[in-house]
Amino acid sequence: MSNSPDLLFRTLADPTRRAIFERLCRQGEQTVGALTASASVSQPAVSKHLAILKQAGLVNDRHEGRQTHYSAQLRALRPLIDWTQQMTDFWESRFDDLENLLRRMDQ
């Protein structure tokens, strides 16, 4: 179960899968049935999306009787947060350099 940024981006690129993950983040633990009720796809499709999210480490499942409950694993987003911070630092530095250049050109 790798949490590389590439795997996470690929996993969350699908809009239905991303919507399922977002719902779990916002509303907490949900059963497959509850997730299917609000999705525009069938129960087998929701289950398939959940399996992919689980494989990427983005959700965890808990079995209770005949139902499976899914919850978001927010710590799995750490590689994306780290990557985003690196890109933020990079671009802020570039914009600072550009600002300095423009100031020198105005003088």
N, C-alpha and C. Protein backbone atom coordinates (compact mmCIF):
# COMPACT_ATOMS: atom_id res chain seq x y z
N MET A 1 0.85 -1.18 0.00
CA MET A 1 0.00 0.00 0.00
C MET A 1 0.89 1.24 0.00
N SER A 2 1.14 1.80 -1.15
CA SER A 2 2.02 2.95 -1.29
C SER A 2 1.19 4.23 -1.29
N ASN A 3 1.73 5.26 -0.65
CA ASN A 3 1.03 6.54 -0.62
C ASN A 3 1.81 7.59 -1.41
N SER A 4 2.34 7.19 -2.56
CA SER A 4 3.08 8.15 -3.37
C SER A 4 2.12 9.19 -3.92
N PRO A 5 2.62 10.41 -4.16
CA PRO A 5 1.74 11.43 -4.75
C PRO A 5 1.11 10.96 -6.07
N ASP A 6 1.87 10.24 -6.89
CA ASP A 6 1.32 9.77 -8.17
C ASP A 6 0.10 8.88 -7.95
N LEU A 7 0.20 7.94 -7.02
CA LEU A 7 -0.91 7.03 -6.74
C LEU A 7 -2.12 7.81 -6.21
N LEU A 8 -1.85 8.75 -5.32
CA LEU A 8 -2.95 9.52 -4.75
C LEU A 8 -3.62 10.40 -5.80
N PHE A 9 -2.82 11.06 -6.65
CA PHE A 9 -3.40 11.88 -7.72
C PHE A 9 -4.23 11.02 -8.66
N ARG A 10 -3.70 9.85 -9.04
CA ARG A 10 -4.43 8.94 -9.95
C ARG A 10 -5.74 8.49 -9.30
N THR A 11 -5.66 8.14 -8.04
CA THR A 11 -6.84 7.64 -7.34
C THR A 11 -7.92 8.72 -7.23
N LEU A 12 -7.52 9.93 -6.92
CA LEU A 12 -8.49 11.01 -6.72
C LEU A 12 -8.85 11.73 -8.01
N ALA A 13 -8.27 11.34 -9.12
CA ALA A 13 -8.57 11.98 -10.41
C ALA A 13 -9.99 11.68 -10.88
N ASP A 14 -10.50 10.52 -10.52
CA ASP A 14 -11.86 10.15 -10.93
C ASP A 14 -12.87 10.96 -10.11
N PRO A 15 -13.78 11.69 -10.76
CA PRO A 15 -14.71 12.55 -10.02
C PRO A 15 -15.66 11.79 -9.08
N THR A 16 -16.09 10.61 -9.46
CA THR A 16 -16.98 9.83 -8.59
C THR A 16 -16.22 9.37 -7.36
N ARG A 17 -15.02 8.88 -7.58
CA ARG A 17 -14.19 8.40 -6.46
C ARG A 17 -13.85 9.55 -5.52
N ARG A 18 -13.52 10.70 -6.11
CA ARG A 18 -13.20 11.87 -5.30
C ARG A 18 -14.42 12.31 -4.48
N ALA A 19 -15.60 12.25 -5.07
CA ALA A 19 -16.83 12.63 -4.36
C ALA A 19 -17.09 11.68 -3.19
N ILE A 20 -16.85 10.41 -3.38
CA ILE A 20 -17.03 9.43 -2.30
C ILE A 20 -16.05 9.75 -1.17
N PHE A 21 -14.79 10.01 -1.53
CA PHE A 21 -13.79 10.33 -0.51
C PHE A 21 -14.16 11.62 0.23
N GLU A 22 -14.59 12.63 -0.52
CA GLU A 22 -14.98 13.90 0.10
C GLU A 22 -16.15 13.72 1.05
N ARG A 23 -17.10 12.89 0.66
CA ARG A 23 -18.25 12.65 1.54
C ARG A 23 -17.80 11.98 2.84
N LEU A 24 -16.90 11.02 2.73
CA LEU A 24 -16.38 10.37 3.93
C LEU A 24 -15.61 11.36 4.80
N CYS A 25 -14.90 12.27 4.18
CA CYS A 25 -14.17 13.29 4.95
C CYS A 25 -15.13 14.21 5.69
N ARG A 26 -16.18 14.62 5.02
CA ARG A 26 -17.11 15.60 5.59
C ARG A 26 -18.11 14.99 6.58
N GLN A 27 -18.59 13.80 6.25
CA GLN A 27 -19.68 13.23 7.03
C GLN A 27 -19.26 12.07 7.92
N GLY A 28 -18.03 11.67 7.84
CA GLY A 28 -17.56 10.58 8.69
C GLY A 28 -17.91 9.21 8.12
N GLU A 29 -17.80 8.22 8.96
CA GLU A 29 -17.99 6.83 8.56
C GLU A 29 -19.35 6.60 7.90
N GLN A 30 -19.33 5.84 6.81
CA GLN A 30 -20.55 5.55 6.04
C GLN A 30 -20.53 4.08 5.60
N THR A 31 -21.71 3.52 5.45
CA THR A 31 -21.82 2.19 4.87
C THR A 31 -21.85 2.31 3.35
N VAL A 32 -21.64 1.19 2.68
CA VAL A 32 -21.71 1.18 1.22
C VAL A 32 -23.10 1.62 0.78
N GLY A 33 -24.12 1.16 1.47
CA GLY A 33 -25.49 1.52 1.12
C GLY A 33 -25.73 3.02 1.22
N ALA A 34 -25.24 3.64 2.28
CA ALA A 34 -25.40 5.08 2.45
C ALA A 34 -24.65 5.84 1.36
N LEU A 35 -23.46 5.38 1.03
CA LEU A 35 -22.69 6.03 -0.03
C LEU A 35 -23.37 5.87 -1.39
N THR A 36 -23.95 4.71 -1.63
CA THR A 36 -24.63 4.45 -2.90
C THR A 36 -25.87 5.32 -3.04
N ALA A 37 -26.58 5.54 -1.94
CA ALA A 37 -27.81 6.33 -1.97
C ALA A 37 -27.56 7.75 -2.49
N SER A 38 -26.36 8.27 -2.22
CA SER A 38 -26.09 9.65 -2.64
C SER A 38 -25.21 9.71 -3.89
N ALA A 39 -24.85 8.57 -4.42
CA ALA A 39 -23.99 8.53 -5.61
C ALA A 39 -24.85 8.37 -6.86
N SER A 40 -24.28 8.74 -7.97
CA SER A 40 -25.00 8.61 -9.25
C SER A 40 -24.58 7.34 -9.98
N VAL A 41 -24.07 6.38 -9.21
CA VAL A 41 -23.64 5.11 -9.79
C VAL A 41 -24.20 3.96 -8.96
N SER A 42 -24.08 2.76 -9.47
CA SER A 42 -24.63 1.58 -8.80
C SER A 42 -23.80 1.17 -7.59
N GLN A 43 -24.38 0.29 -6.78
CA GLN A 43 -23.67 -0.23 -5.60
C GLN A 43 -22.39 -0.96 -5.99
N PRO A 44 -22.40 -1.81 -7.04
CA PRO A 44 -21.14 -2.45 -7.42
C PRO A 44 -20.06 -1.42 -7.83
N ALA A 45 -20.48 -0.34 -8.47
CA ALA A 45 -19.52 0.70 -8.87
C ALA A 45 -18.95 1.40 -7.64
N VAL A 46 -19.82 1.70 -6.66
CA VAL A 46 -19.35 2.32 -5.42
C VAL A 46 -18.36 1.39 -4.72
N SER A 47 -18.68 0.12 -4.67
CA SER A 47 -17.78 -0.85 -4.03
C SER A 47 -16.43 -0.90 -4.73
N LYS A 48 -16.46 -0.84 -6.05
CA LYS A 48 -15.20 -0.85 -6.81
C LYS A 48 -14.38 0.41 -6.50
N HIS A 49 -15.04 1.55 -6.46
CA HIS A 49 -14.34 2.80 -6.12
C HIS A 49 -13.76 2.73 -4.71
N LEU A 50 -14.52 2.17 -3.78
CA LEU A 50 -14.04 2.04 -2.40
C LEU A 50 -12.82 1.12 -2.33
N ALA A 51 -12.81 0.06 -3.12
CA ALA A 51 -11.66 -0.85 -3.14
C ALA A 51 -10.40 -0.12 -3.63
N ILE A 52 -10.56 0.74 -4.62
CA ILE A 52 -9.42 1.50 -5.15
C ILE A 52 -8.95 2.52 -4.11
N LEU A 53 -9.90 3.19 -3.46
CA LEU A 53 -9.54 4.14 -2.40
C LEU A 53 -8.82 3.41 -1.25
N LYS A 54 -9.29 2.22 -0.92
CA LYS A 54 -8.66 1.44 0.15
C LYS A 54 -7.25 1.02 -0.25
N GLN A 55 -7.09 0.59 -1.48
CA GLN A 55 -5.77 0.17 -1.97
C GLN A 55 -4.77 1.34 -1.90
N ALA A 56 -5.24 2.56 -2.11
CA ALA A 56 -4.38 3.74 -2.05
C ALA A 56 -4.16 4.21 -0.60
N GLY A 57 -4.84 3.57 0.35
CA GLY A 57 -4.70 3.94 1.74
C GLY A 57 -5.56 5.12 2.16
N LEU A 58 -6.49 5.53 1.30
CA LEU A 58 -7.32 6.70 1.58
C LEU A 58 -8.55 6.39 2.42
N VAL A 59 -8.98 5.13 2.45
CA VAL A 59 -10.10 4.74 3.30
C VAL A 59 -9.75 3.47 4.06
N ASN A 60 -10.45 3.28 5.14
CA ASN A 60 -10.32 2.08 5.95
C ASN A 60 -11.71 1.49 6.07
N ASP A 61 -11.79 0.17 6.15
CA ASP A 61 -13.10 -0.45 6.31
C ASP A 61 -13.19 -1.18 7.64
N ARG A 62 -14.42 -1.26 8.12
CA ARG A 62 -14.71 -1.93 9.38
C ARG A 62 -15.98 -2.75 9.17
N HIS A 63 -15.88 -4.04 9.44
CA HIS A 63 -17.03 -4.92 9.24
C HIS A 63 -17.83 -5.02 10.54
N GLU A 64 -19.14 -4.88 10.37
CA GLU A 64 -20.06 -5.02 11.50
C GLU A 64 -21.26 -5.82 11.01
N GLY A 65 -21.29 -7.07 11.37
CA GLY A 65 -22.34 -7.94 10.87
C GLY A 65 -22.22 -8.09 9.36
N ARG A 66 -23.32 -7.81 8.67
CA ARG A 66 -23.33 -7.94 7.21
C ARG A 66 -22.94 -6.63 6.51
N GLN A 67 -22.70 -5.58 7.28
CA GLN A 67 -22.38 -4.30 6.69
C GLN A 67 -20.91 -3.95 6.83
N THR A 68 -20.43 -3.22 5.86
CA THR A 68 -19.07 -2.71 5.91
C THR A 68 -19.14 -1.19 6.00
N HIS A 69 -18.46 -0.66 6.98
CA HIS A 69 -18.41 0.78 7.21
C HIS A 69 -17.06 1.30 6.73
N TYR A 70 -17.08 2.41 6.01
CA TYR A 70 -15.85 3.00 5.48
C TYR A 70 -15.61 4.36 6.12
N SER A 71 -14.36 4.66 6.35
CA SER A 71 -13.99 5.97 6.88
C SER A 71 -12.75 6.48 6.14
N ALA A 72 -12.67 7.80 6.02
CA ALA A 72 -11.54 8.44 5.35
C ALA A 72 -10.31 8.38 6.25
N GLN A 73 -9.17 8.20 5.64
CA GLN A 73 -7.90 8.21 6.35
C GLN A 73 -7.13 9.46 5.93
N LEU A 74 -7.38 10.54 6.63
CA LEU A 74 -6.83 11.83 6.24
C LEU A 74 -5.31 11.86 6.27
N ARG A 75 -4.70 11.10 7.15
CA ARG A 75 -3.23 11.08 7.22
C ARG A 75 -2.62 10.55 5.92
N ALA A 76 -3.40 9.82 5.14
CA ALA A 76 -2.91 9.30 3.86
C ALA A 76 -2.68 10.42 2.86
N LEU A 77 -3.23 11.60 3.12
CA LEU A 77 -3.04 12.75 2.23
C LEU A 77 -1.70 13.45 2.45
N ARG A 78 -0.94 13.04 3.46
CA ARG A 78 0.32 13.70 3.79
C ARG A 78 1.25 13.87 2.58
N PRO A 79 1.43 12.85 1.73
CA PRO A 79 2.31 13.05 0.57
C PRO A 79 1.82 14.16 -0.37
N LEU A 80 0.50 14.32 -0.51
CA LEU A 80 -0.03 15.40 -1.35
C LEU A 80 0.19 16.76 -0.68
N ILE A 81 0.03 16.80 0.62
CA ILE A 81 0.26 18.04 1.35
C ILE A 81 1.72 18.44 1.25
N ASP A 82 2.61 17.47 1.41
CA ASP A 82 4.05 17.74 1.29
C ASP A 82 4.40 18.22 -0.11
N TRP A 83 3.87 17.57 -1.13
CA TRP A 83 4.14 17.96 -2.52
C TRP A 83 3.62 19.37 -2.78
N THR A 84 2.42 19.66 -2.31
CA THR A 84 1.82 20.98 -2.49
C THR A 84 2.68 22.05 -1.81
N GLN A 85 3.21 21.75 -0.63
CA GLN A 85 4.07 22.71 0.07
C GLN A 85 5.36 22.94 -0.72
N GLN A 86 5.93 21.89 -1.27
CA GLN A 86 7.14 22.05 -2.09
C GLN A 86 6.87 22.94 -3.30
N MET A 87 5.74 22.72 -3.95
CA MET A 87 5.40 23.53 -5.12
C MET A 87 5.11 24.98 -4.71
N THR A 88 4.48 25.18 -3.56
CA THR A 88 4.22 26.52 -3.05
C THR A 88 5.54 27.25 -2.81
N ASP A 89 6.47 26.58 -2.14
CA ASP A 89 7.78 27.18 -1.88
C ASP A 89 8.50 27.53 -3.18
N PHE A 90 8.45 26.61 -4.14
CA PHE A 90 9.10 26.84 -5.44
C PHE A 90 8.54 28.08 -6.11
N TRP A 91 7.20 28.15 -6.23
CA TRP A 91 6.60 29.27 -6.95
C TRP A 91 6.72 30.58 -6.19
N GLU A 92 6.66 30.55 -4.87
CA GLU A 92 6.86 31.78 -4.11
C GLU A 92 8.25 32.33 -4.36
N SER A 93 9.23 31.45 -4.40
CA SER A 93 10.60 31.86 -4.69
C SER A 93 10.71 32.47 -6.08
N ARG A 94 10.09 31.85 -7.05
CA ARG A 94 10.10 32.37 -8.44
C ARG A 94 9.44 33.74 -8.53
N PHE A 95 8.32 33.90 -7.85
CA PHE A 95 7.63 35.19 -7.88
C PHE A 95 8.44 36.27 -7.17
N ASP A 96 9.12 35.88 -6.08
CA ASP A 96 10.00 36.84 -5.40
C ASP A 96 11.12 37.28 -6.33
N ASP A 97 11.71 36.32 -7.04
CA ASP A 97 12.78 36.65 -8.00
C ASP A 97 12.26 37.58 -9.09
N LEU A 98 11.07 37.30 -9.58
CA LEU A 98 10.48 38.15 -10.62
C LEU A 98 10.21 39.55 -10.07
N GLU A 99 9.69 39.63 -8.88
CA GLU A 99 9.43 40.93 -8.27
C GLU A 99 10.73 41.73 -8.12
N ASN A 100 11.79 41.07 -7.68
CA ASN A 100 13.09 41.75 -7.55
C ASN A 100 13.60 42.23 -8.90
N LEU A 101 13.46 41.42 -9.91
CA LEU A 101 13.89 41.80 -11.25
C LEU A 101 13.12 43.02 -11.75
N LEU A 102 11.81 43.01 -11.57
CA LEU A 102 10.99 44.14 -12.00
C LEU A 102 11.35 45.41 -11.25
N ARG A 103 11.65 45.28 -9.97
CA ARG A 103 12.08 46.46 -9.19
C ARG A 103 13.39 47.04 -9.75
N ARG A 104 14.33 46.15 -10.04
CA ARG A 104 15.62 46.59 -10.60
C ARG A 104 15.43 47.24 -11.96
N MET A 105 14.50 46.73 -12.74
CA MET A 105 14.26 47.30 -14.06
C MET A 105 13.62 48.68 -13.95
N ASP A 106 12.83 48.93 -12.92
CA ASP A 106 12.18 50.22 -12.72
C ASP A 106 13.14 51.30 -12.24
N GLN A 107 14.25 50.91 -11.69
CA GLN A 107 15.19 51.89 -11.13
C GLN A 107 16.01 52.56 -12.19
